[in-house]
């Protein structure tokens, strides 16, 4: 059974920091691209950052320079360090794993999400 469990969310003031964790079980992280997505009320789920199976990272413009994605293969965990948080960062943050089996077939897994609220 594949499971992704997010943690580390909470309430923080603007300008503050949080570190989100995604604990993975049932998968080998070396085979997966790992990503963080977020969804605010009334909005579509959007990509935040990705770390590939080859350890390349991609961060979306909205959070570039403030957020950093990283991975610990030994601990089977993926992290999202969030600095200089803004109210518009408020959302439920989801961990995602993608196994790219072939160029035309992939398998996706999702965590249950963790709430991040940025407010004075």
C-alpha atoms as a PDB file:
ATOM      1  CA  UNK A   1       0.000   0.000   0.000  1.00  0.00           C
ATOM      2  CA  UNK A   2       1.302   3.432  -0.977  1.00  0.00           C
ATOM      3  CA  UNK A   3       0.703   6.220   1.530  1.00  0.00           C
ATOM      4  CA  UNK A   4       1.709   9.867   1.621  1.00  0.00           C
ATOM      5  CA  UNK A   5       1.126  11.718   4.896  1.00  0.00           C
ATOM      6  CA  UNK A   6       1.648  15.479   5.177  1.00  0.00           C
ATOM      7  CA  UNK A   7       2.403  17.329   8.401  1.00  0.00           C
ATOM      8  CA  UNK A   8       3.798  20.641   9.622  1.00  0.00           C
ATOM      9  CA  UNK A   9       0.980  22.978   8.687  1.00  0.00           C
ATOM     10  CA  UNK A  10      -0.474  25.550  11.034  1.00  0.00           C
ATOM     11  CA  UNK A  11      -1.118  29.225  11.683  1.00  0.00           C
ATOM     12  CA  UNK A  12       1.714  31.684  11.091  1.00  0.00           C
ATOM     13  CA  UNK A  13       2.010  35.469  10.808  1.00  0.00           C
ATOM     14  CA  UNK A  14       2.976  37.136   7.518  1.00  0.00           C
ATOM     15  CA  UNK A  15       6.735  36.984   7.083  1.00  0.00           C
ATOM     16  CA  UNK A  16       6.990  33.827   9.145  1.00  0.00           C
ATOM     17  CA  UNK A  17       8.195  30.361   8.178  1.00  0.00           C
ATOM     18  CA  UNK A  18       6.903  26.805   8.169  1.00  0.00           C
ATOM     19  CA  UNK A  19       8.411  23.483   7.138  1.00  0.00           C
ATOM     20  CA  UNK A  20       6.057  20.901   5.681  1.00  0.00           C
ATOM     21  CA  UNK A  21       6.902  17.203   5.686  1.00  0.00           C
ATOM     22  CA  UNK A  22       5.607  14.371   3.534  1.00  0.00           C
ATOM     23  CA  UNK A  23       6.233  10.877   4.862  1.00  0.00           C
ATOM     24  CA  UNK A  24       6.064   8.219   2.162  1.00  0.00           C
ATOM     25  CA  UNK A  25       5.544   4.498   2.590  1.00  0.00           C
ATOM     26  CA  UNK A  26       5.271   1.679   0.089  1.00  0.00           C
ATOM     27  CA  UNK A  27       7.433   3.387  -2.554  1.00  0.00           C
ATOM     28  CA  UNK A  28      11.065   3.889  -3.447  1.00  0.00           C
ATOM     29  CA  UNK A  29      11.588   7.643  -3.727  1.00  0.00           C
ATOM     30  CA  UNK A  30      14.332   7.127  -6.303  1.00  0.00           C
ATOM     31  CA  UNK A  31      11.655   6.028  -8.782  1.00  0.00           C
ATOM     32  CA  UNK A  32       9.317   8.988  -8.271  1.00  0.00           C
ATOM     33  CA  UNK A  33       8.983  12.647  -9.060  1.00  0.00           C
ATOM     34  CA  UNK A  34       7.736  14.292  -5.856  1.00  0.00           C
ATOM     35  CA  UNK A  35       5.713  17.474  -5.759  1.00  0.00           C
ATOM     36  CA  UNK A  36       3.855  19.868  -3.522  1.00  0.00           C
ATOM     37  CA  UNK A  37       0.502  21.289  -4.604  1.00  0.00           C
ATOM     38  CA  UNK A  38      -1.849  23.672  -2.857  1.00  0.00           C
ATOM     39  CA  UNK A  39      -5.522  24.538  -3.036  1.00  0.00           C
ATOM     40  CA  UNK A  40      -7.218  27.586  -1.543  1.00  0.00           C
ATOM     41  CA  UNK A  41     -11.000  27.715  -1.012  1.00  0.00           C
ATOM     42  CA  UNK A  42     -12.763  28.328  -4.320  1.00  0.00           C
ATOM     43  CA  UNK A  43      -9.564  27.840  -6.317  1.00  0.00           C
ATOM     44  CA  UNK A  44      -8.127  25.038  -8.410  1.00  0.00           C
ATOM     45  CA  UNK A  45      -5.319  22.905  -7.077  1.00  0.00           C
ATOM     46  CA  UNK A  46      -2.019  24.325  -8.304  1.00  0.00           C
ATOM     47  CA  UNK A  47       1.539  23.076  -8.487  1.00  0.00           C
ATOM     48  CA  UNK A  48       3.970  24.680  -6.033  1.00  0.00           C
ATOM     49  CA  UNK A  49       7.246  22.797  -6.482  1.00  0.00           C
ATOM     50  CA  UNK A  50       8.690  19.541  -7.818  1.00  0.00           C
ATOM     51  CA  UNK A  51      11.773  17.477  -7.086  1.00  0.00           C
ATOM     52  CA  UNK A  52      12.396  14.831  -9.738  1.00  0.00           C
ATOM     53  CA  UNK A  53      13.691  11.295  -9.322  1.00  0.00           C
ATOM     54  CA  UNK A  54      17.032  12.701 -10.486  1.00  0.00           C
ATOM     55  CA  UNK A  55      16.913  15.401  -7.765  1.00  0.00           C
ATOM     56  CA  UNK A  56      16.317  18.346 -10.079  1.00  0.00           C
ATOM     57  CA  UNK A  57      14.005  20.973  -8.587  1.00  0.00           C
ATOM     58  CA  UNK A  58      11.384  23.238 -10.099  1.00  0.00           C
ATOM     59  CA  UNK A  59       9.669  26.013  -8.145  1.00  0.00           C
ATOM     60  CA  UNK A  60       6.729  27.991  -9.460  1.00  0.00           C
ATOM     61  CA  UNK A  61       7.065  31.742  -9.948  1.00  0.00           C
ATOM     62  CA  UNK A  62       4.515  32.570  -7.248  1.00  0.00           C
ATOM     63  CA  UNK A  63       6.777  31.138  -4.545  1.00  0.00           C
ATOM     64  CA  UNK A  64      10.214  31.274  -6.173  1.00  0.00           C
ATOM     65  CA  UNK A  65      12.848  32.665  -3.846  1.00  0.00           C
ATOM     66  CA  UNK A  66      10.724  31.911  -0.781  1.00  0.00           C
ATOM     67  CA  UNK A  67       9.998  28.160  -0.926  1.00  0.00           C
ATOM     68  CA  UNK A  68      12.468  25.280  -1.218  1.00  0.00           C
ATOM     69  CA  UNK A  69      11.685  21.625  -1.907  1.00  0.00           C
ATOM     70  CA  UNK A  70      14.010  18.861  -0.746  1.00  0.00           C
ATOM     71  CA  UNK A  71      14.100  15.094  -0.275  1.00  0.00           C
ATOM     72  CA  UNK A  72      15.602  12.580   2.128  1.00  0.00           C
ATOM     73  CA  UNK A  73      15.589   9.180   0.446  1.00  0.00           C
ATOM     74  CA  UNK A  74      16.795   7.343   3.548  1.00  0.00           C
ATOM     75  CA  UNK A  75      13.892   8.712   5.594  1.00  0.00           C
ATOM     76  CA  UNK A  76      11.475   8.399   2.657  1.00  0.00           C
ATOM     77  CA  UNK A  77      10.441  11.996   3.184  1.00  0.00           C
ATOM     78  CA  UNK A  78       9.941  15.143   1.114  1.00  0.00           C
ATOM     79  CA  UNK A  79       9.994  18.622   2.592  1.00  0.00           C
ATOM     80  CA  UNK A  80       8.787  22.090   1.675  1.00  0.00           C
ATOM     81  CA  UNK A  81      10.550  24.921   3.488  1.00  0.00           C
ATOM     82  CA  UNK A  82       8.358  28.025   3.313  1.00  0.00           C
ATOM     83  CA  UNK A  83       9.861  31.394   4.219  1.00  0.00           C
ATOM     84  CA  UNK A  84       8.538  34.954   4.008  1.00  0.00           C
ATOM     85  CA  UNK A  85       4.992  33.652   4.031  1.00  0.00           C
ATOM     86  CA  UNK A  86       2.203  35.823   2.663  1.00  0.00           C
ATOM     87  CA  UNK A  87      -1.564  35.710   3.256  1.00  0.00           C
ATOM     88  CA  UNK A  88      -2.022  34.520  -0.331  1.00  0.00           C
ATOM     89  CA  UNK A  89      -0.038  31.382   0.562  1.00  0.00           C
ATOM     90  CA  UNK A  90      -2.975  30.257   2.709  1.00  0.00           C
ATOM     91  CA  UNK A  91      -4.184  26.903   1.369  1.00  0.00           C
ATOM     92  CA  UNK A  92      -4.294  23.183   1.945  1.00  0.00           C
ATOM     93  CA  UNK A  93      -0.951  21.767   0.836  1.00  0.00           C
ATOM     94  CA  UNK A  94      -0.799  18.308  -0.743  1.00  0.00           C
ATOM     95  CA  UNK A  95       2.074  15.913  -1.336  1.00  0.00           C
ATOM     96  CA  UNK A  96       2.173  14.158  -4.707  1.00  0.00           C
ATOM     97  CA  UNK A  97       4.213  11.259  -6.090  1.00  0.00           C
ATOM     98  CA  UNK A  98       4.442  10.327  -9.769  1.00  0.00           C
ATOM     99  CA  UNK A  99       5.957   7.121 -11.126  1.00  0.00           C
ATOM    100  CA  UNK A 100       6.758   7.624 -14.792  1.00  0.00           C
ATOM    101  CA  UNK A 101       6.625   4.029 -15.968  1.00  0.00           C
ATOM    102  CA  UNK A 102       6.772   4.896 -19.679  1.00  0.00           C
ATOM    103  CA  UNK A 103       6.556   8.054 -21.737  1.00  0.00           C
ATOM    104  CA  UNK A 104       2.812   7.440 -22.113  1.00  0.00           C
ATOM    105  CA  UNK A 105       1.908   5.961 -18.730  1.00  0.00           C
ATOM    106  CA  UNK A 106       2.285   7.219 -15.190  1.00  0.00           C
ATOM    107  CA  UNK A 107       0.921   6.471 -11.739  1.00  0.00           C
ATOM    108  CA  UNK A 108      -0.089   9.235  -9.318  1.00  0.00           C
ATOM    109  CA  UNK A 109      -0.419   9.152  -5.536  1.00  0.00           C
ATOM    110  CA  UNK A 110      -1.718  11.891  -3.221  1.00  0.00           C
ATOM    111  CA  UNK A 111      -1.614  12.704   0.457  1.00  0.00           C
ATOM    112  CA  UNK A 112      -4.570  13.977   2.469  1.00  0.00           C
ATOM    113  CA  UNK A 113      -3.261  17.529   2.819  1.00  0.00           C
ATOM    114  CA  UNK A 114      -2.188  19.856   5.618  1.00  0.00           C
ATOM    115  CA  UNK A 115      -3.635  23.316   6.282  1.00  0.00           C
ATOM    116  CA  UNK A 116      -1.404  26.391   6.129  1.00  0.00           C
ATOM    117  CA  UNK A 117      -2.918  29.679   7.288  1.00  0.00           C
ATOM    118  CA  UNK A 118      -1.006  32.968   7.055  1.00  0.00           C
ATOM    119  CA  UNK A 119      -2.746  35.724   8.989  1.00  0.00           C
ATOM    120  CA  UNK A 120      -2.019  38.611  11.337  1.00  0.00           C
END
